Amino acid sequence: MRPYSGVNRFSDSLPPEPRWQKFLFVVLFTFALFFFAPRFSAKVAEYVRFSRELEELTKREAELRTQIAYLAKERQYLEEDWYIEKLAREKLHLVKPGEILVRVVRPGE
């Protein structure tokens, strides 16, 4: 049998910590909090700014992809004679020999 050590082996409670250790922990934690808080808040602000910028760039990318698809289709049309003729008639107001250009003018134009 082991000799009596003065400590109840069946006790669920731990021996109390010395108060100076708690005080030291609080002081060090407070120091760390004041030291790292400005850096942490700057990083959080930077993260928010970057996430907004990423969202804007994602929208811009979608718009550019739509524009690329439109321009690719336009390029295909420009290889066709009928489309070139259509553009010449609408934009440049050109007519074939023997045709008469009739232009409708609306009030206010």
C-alpha atoms as a PDB file:
ATOM      1  CA  MET A   1       0.000   0.000   0.000  1.00  0.00           C
ATOM      2  CA  ARG A   2       1.235   3.512  -0.846  1.00  0.00           C
ATOM      3  CA  PRO A   3       1.886   5.996   1.895  1.00  0.00           C
ATOM      4  CA  TYR A   4      -0.595   8.776   2.471  1.00  0.00           C
ATOM      5  CA  SER A   5       0.350  11.835   0.382  1.00  0.00           C
ATOM      6  CA  GLY A   6      -2.149  14.255   1.807  1.00  0.00           C
ATOM      7  CA  VAL A   7      -4.072  14.565  -1.463  1.00  0.00           C
ATOM      8  CA  ASN A   8      -7.472  12.994  -1.834  1.00  0.00           C
ATOM      9  CA  ARG A   9      -7.129  10.774  -4.911  1.00  0.00           C
ATOM     10  CA  PHE A  10     -10.865  10.654  -5.443  1.00  0.00           C
ATOM     11  CA  SER A  11     -11.436  14.421  -5.459  1.00  0.00           C
ATOM     12  CA  ASP A  12     -12.731  15.922  -8.733  1.00  0.00           C
ATOM     13  CA  SER A  13     -11.517  19.426  -7.980  1.00  0.00           C
ATOM     14  CA  LEU A  14      -8.089  20.612  -9.056  1.00  0.00           C
ATOM     15  CA  PRO A  15      -5.850  22.539  -6.711  1.00  0.00           C
ATOM     16  CA  PRO A  16      -6.370  26.318  -7.101  1.00  0.00           C
ATOM     17  CA  GLU A  17      -4.013  28.158  -9.449  1.00  0.00           C
ATOM     18  CA  PRO A  18      -1.878  30.869  -7.964  1.00  0.00           C
ATOM     19  CA  ARG A  19      -3.379  34.339  -8.516  1.00  0.00           C
ATOM     20  CA  TRP A  20      -0.203  35.753 -10.054  1.00  0.00           C
ATOM     21  CA  GLN A  21      -0.510  33.292 -12.971  1.00  0.00           C
ATOM     22  CA  LYS A  22      -4.035  34.495 -13.728  1.00  0.00           C
ATOM     23  CA  PHE A  23      -2.902  38.112 -13.465  1.00  0.00           C
ATOM     24  CA  LEU A  24       0.047  37.454 -15.782  1.00  0.00           C
ATOM     25  CA  PHE A  25      -2.231  35.737 -18.286  1.00  0.00           C
ATOM     26  CA  VAL A  26      -4.666  38.677 -18.273  1.00  0.00           C
ATOM     27  CA  VAL A  27      -1.835  41.195 -18.720  1.00  0.00           C
ATOM     28  CA  LEU A  28      -0.258  39.242 -21.579  1.00  0.00           C
ATOM     29  CA  PHE A  29      -3.619  38.659 -23.249  1.00  0.00           C
ATOM     30  CA  THR A  30      -4.469  42.374 -23.003  1.00  0.00           C
ATOM     31  CA  PHE A  31      -1.080  43.319 -24.431  1.00  0.00           C
ATOM     32  CA  ALA A  32      -1.491  40.865 -27.303  1.00  0.00           C
ATOM     33  CA  LEU A  33      -5.004  42.124 -27.954  1.00  0.00           C
ATOM     34  CA  PHE A  34      -3.898  45.758 -28.197  1.00  0.00           C
ATOM     35  CA  PHE A  35      -0.850  44.808 -30.246  1.00  0.00           C
ATOM     36  CA  PHE A  36      -2.603  42.584 -32.796  1.00  0.00           C
ATOM     37  CA  ALA A  37      -6.057  44.236 -32.983  1.00  0.00           C
ATOM     38  CA  PRO A  38      -5.038  47.077 -35.370  1.00  0.00           C
ATOM     39  CA  ARG A  39      -3.263  44.640 -37.661  1.00  0.00           C
ATOM     40  CA  PHE A  40      -6.182  42.233 -37.566  1.00  0.00           C
ATOM     41  CA  SER A  41      -8.752  44.952 -38.267  1.00  0.00           C
ATOM     42  CA  ALA A  42      -6.634  46.215 -41.183  1.00  0.00           C
ATOM     43  CA  LYS A  43      -6.563  42.698 -42.615  1.00  0.00           C
ATOM     44  CA  VAL A  44     -10.332  42.372 -42.233  1.00  0.00           C
ATOM     45  CA  ALA A  45     -10.861  45.695 -44.031  1.00  0.00           C
ATOM     46  CA  GLU A  46      -8.481  44.576 -46.770  1.00  0.00           C
ATOM     47  CA  TYR A  47     -10.360  41.276 -47.108  1.00  0.00           C
ATOM     48  CA  VAL A  48     -13.690  43.107 -47.464  1.00  0.00           C
ATOM     49  CA  ARG A  49     -12.212  45.450 -50.080  1.00  0.00           C
ATOM     50  CA  PHE A  50     -10.752  42.555 -52.047  1.00  0.00           C
ATOM     51  CA  SER A  51     -13.995  40.583 -51.904  1.00  0.00           C
ATOM     52  CA  ARG A  52     -15.924  43.580 -53.303  1.00  0.00           C
ATOM     53  CA  GLU A  53     -13.311  44.050 -56.006  1.00  0.00           C
ATOM     54  CA  LEU A  54     -13.524  40.357 -56.879  1.00  0.00           C
ATOM     55  CA  GLU A  55     -17.304  40.632 -57.174  1.00  0.00           C
ATOM     56  CA  GLU A  56     -17.005  43.671 -59.479  1.00  0.00           C
ATOM     57  CA  LEU A  57     -14.381  41.949 -61.610  1.00  0.00           C
ATOM     58  CA  THR A  58     -16.523  38.833 -61.877  1.00  0.00           C
ATOM     59  CA  LYS A  59     -19.437  40.948 -63.150  1.00  0.00           C
ATOM     60  CA  ARG A  60     -17.125  42.728 -65.594  1.00  0.00           C
ATOM     61  CA  GLU A  61     -15.811  39.370 -66.821  1.00  0.00           C
ATOM     62  CA  ALA A  62     -19.372  38.180 -67.495  1.00  0.00           C
ATOM     63  CA  GLU A  63     -20.111  41.385 -69.424  1.00  0.00           C
ATOM     64  CA  LEU A  64     -16.943  40.994 -71.479  1.00  0.00           C
ATOM     65  CA  ARG A  65     -17.738  37.358 -72.260  1.00  0.00           C
ATOM     66  CA  THR A  66     -21.176  38.442 -73.510  1.00  0.00           C
ATOM     67  CA  GLN A  67     -19.565  41.151 -75.634  1.00  0.00           C
ATOM     68  CA  ILE A  68     -17.043  38.662 -77.051  1.00  0.00           C
ATOM     69  CA  ALA A  69     -19.864  36.325 -78.046  1.00  0.00           C
ATOM     70  CA  TYR A  70     -21.704  39.220 -79.722  1.00  0.00           C
ATOM     71  CA  LEU A  71     -18.582  40.316 -81.618  1.00  0.00           C
ATOM     72  CA  ALA A  72     -17.844  36.745 -82.734  1.00  0.00           C
ATOM     73  CA  LYS A  73     -21.358  36.515 -84.170  1.00  0.00           C
ATOM     74  CA  GLU A  74     -20.913  39.943 -85.816  1.00  0.00           C
ATOM     75  CA  ARG A  75     -17.643  38.734 -87.342  1.00  0.00           C
ATOM     76  CA  GLN A  76     -19.399  35.712 -88.830  1.00  0.00           C
ATOM     77  CA  TYR A  77     -22.052  37.998 -90.306  1.00  0.00           C
ATOM     78  CA  LEU A  78     -19.418  40.304 -91.795  1.00  0.00           C
ATOM     79  CA  GLU A  79     -18.147  37.418 -93.894  1.00  0.00           C
ATOM     80  CA  GLU A  80     -21.571  37.205 -95.589  1.00  0.00           C
ATOM     81  CA  ASP A  81     -22.399  39.385 -98.599  1.00  0.00           C
ATOM     82  CA  TRP A  82     -26.024  39.943 -97.619  1.00  0.00           C
ATOM     83  CA  TYR A  83     -25.001  41.417 -94.258  1.00  0.00           C
ATOM     84  CA  ILE A  84     -22.467  43.779 -95.815  1.00  0.00           C
ATOM     85  CA  GLU A  85     -25.129  44.957 -98.249  1.00  0.00           C
ATOM     86  CA  LYS A  86     -27.592  45.439 -95.384  1.00  0.00           C
ATOM     87  CA  LEU A  87     -25.081  47.545 -93.456  1.00  0.00           C
ATOM     88  CA  ALA A  88     -24.273  49.626 -96.538  1.00  0.00           C
ATOM     89  CA  ARG A  89     -27.948  50.345 -97.096  1.00  0.00           C
ATOM     90  CA  GLU A  90     -28.781  51.127 -93.443  1.00  0.00           C
ATOM     91  CA  LYS A  91     -25.676  52.913 -92.209  1.00  0.00           C
ATOM     92  CA  LEU A  92     -24.304  54.547 -95.355  1.00  0.00           C
ATOM     93  CA  HIS A  93     -27.638  55.013 -97.188  1.00  0.00           C
ATOM     94  CA  LEU A  94     -26.241  53.468-100.379  1.00  0.00           C
ATOM     95  CA  VAL A  95     -28.516  52.220-103.170  1.00  0.00           C
ATOM     96  CA  LYS A  96     -27.991  50.036-106.200  1.00  0.00           C
ATOM     97  CA  PRO A  97     -28.041  51.665-109.643  1.00  0.00           C
ATOM     98  CA  GLY A  98     -31.618  52.300-110.695  1.00  0.00           C
ATOM     99  CA  GLU A  99     -33.008  52.341-107.157  1.00  0.00           C
ATOM    100  CA  ILE A 100     -34.433  55.431-105.502  1.00  0.00           C
ATOM    101  CA  LEU A 101     -33.717  56.197-101.878  1.00  0.00           C
ATOM    102  CA  VAL A 102     -36.836  57.039 -99.917  1.00  0.00           C
ATOM    103  CA  ARG A 103     -36.098  58.442 -96.529  1.00  0.00           C
ATOM    104  CA  VAL A 104     -38.883  58.834 -93.976  1.00  0.00           C
ATOM    105  CA  VAL A 105     -38.371  61.782 -91.708  1.00  0.00           C
ATOM    106  CA  ARG A 106     -40.304  61.812 -88.460  1.00  0.00           C
ATOM    107  CA  PRO A 107     -41.143  65.040 -86.700  1.00  0.00           C
ATOM    108  CA  GLY A 108     -38.567  65.852 -84.065  1.00  0.00           C
ATOM    109  CA  GLU A 109     -35.625  64.209 -85.819  1.00  0.00           C
END
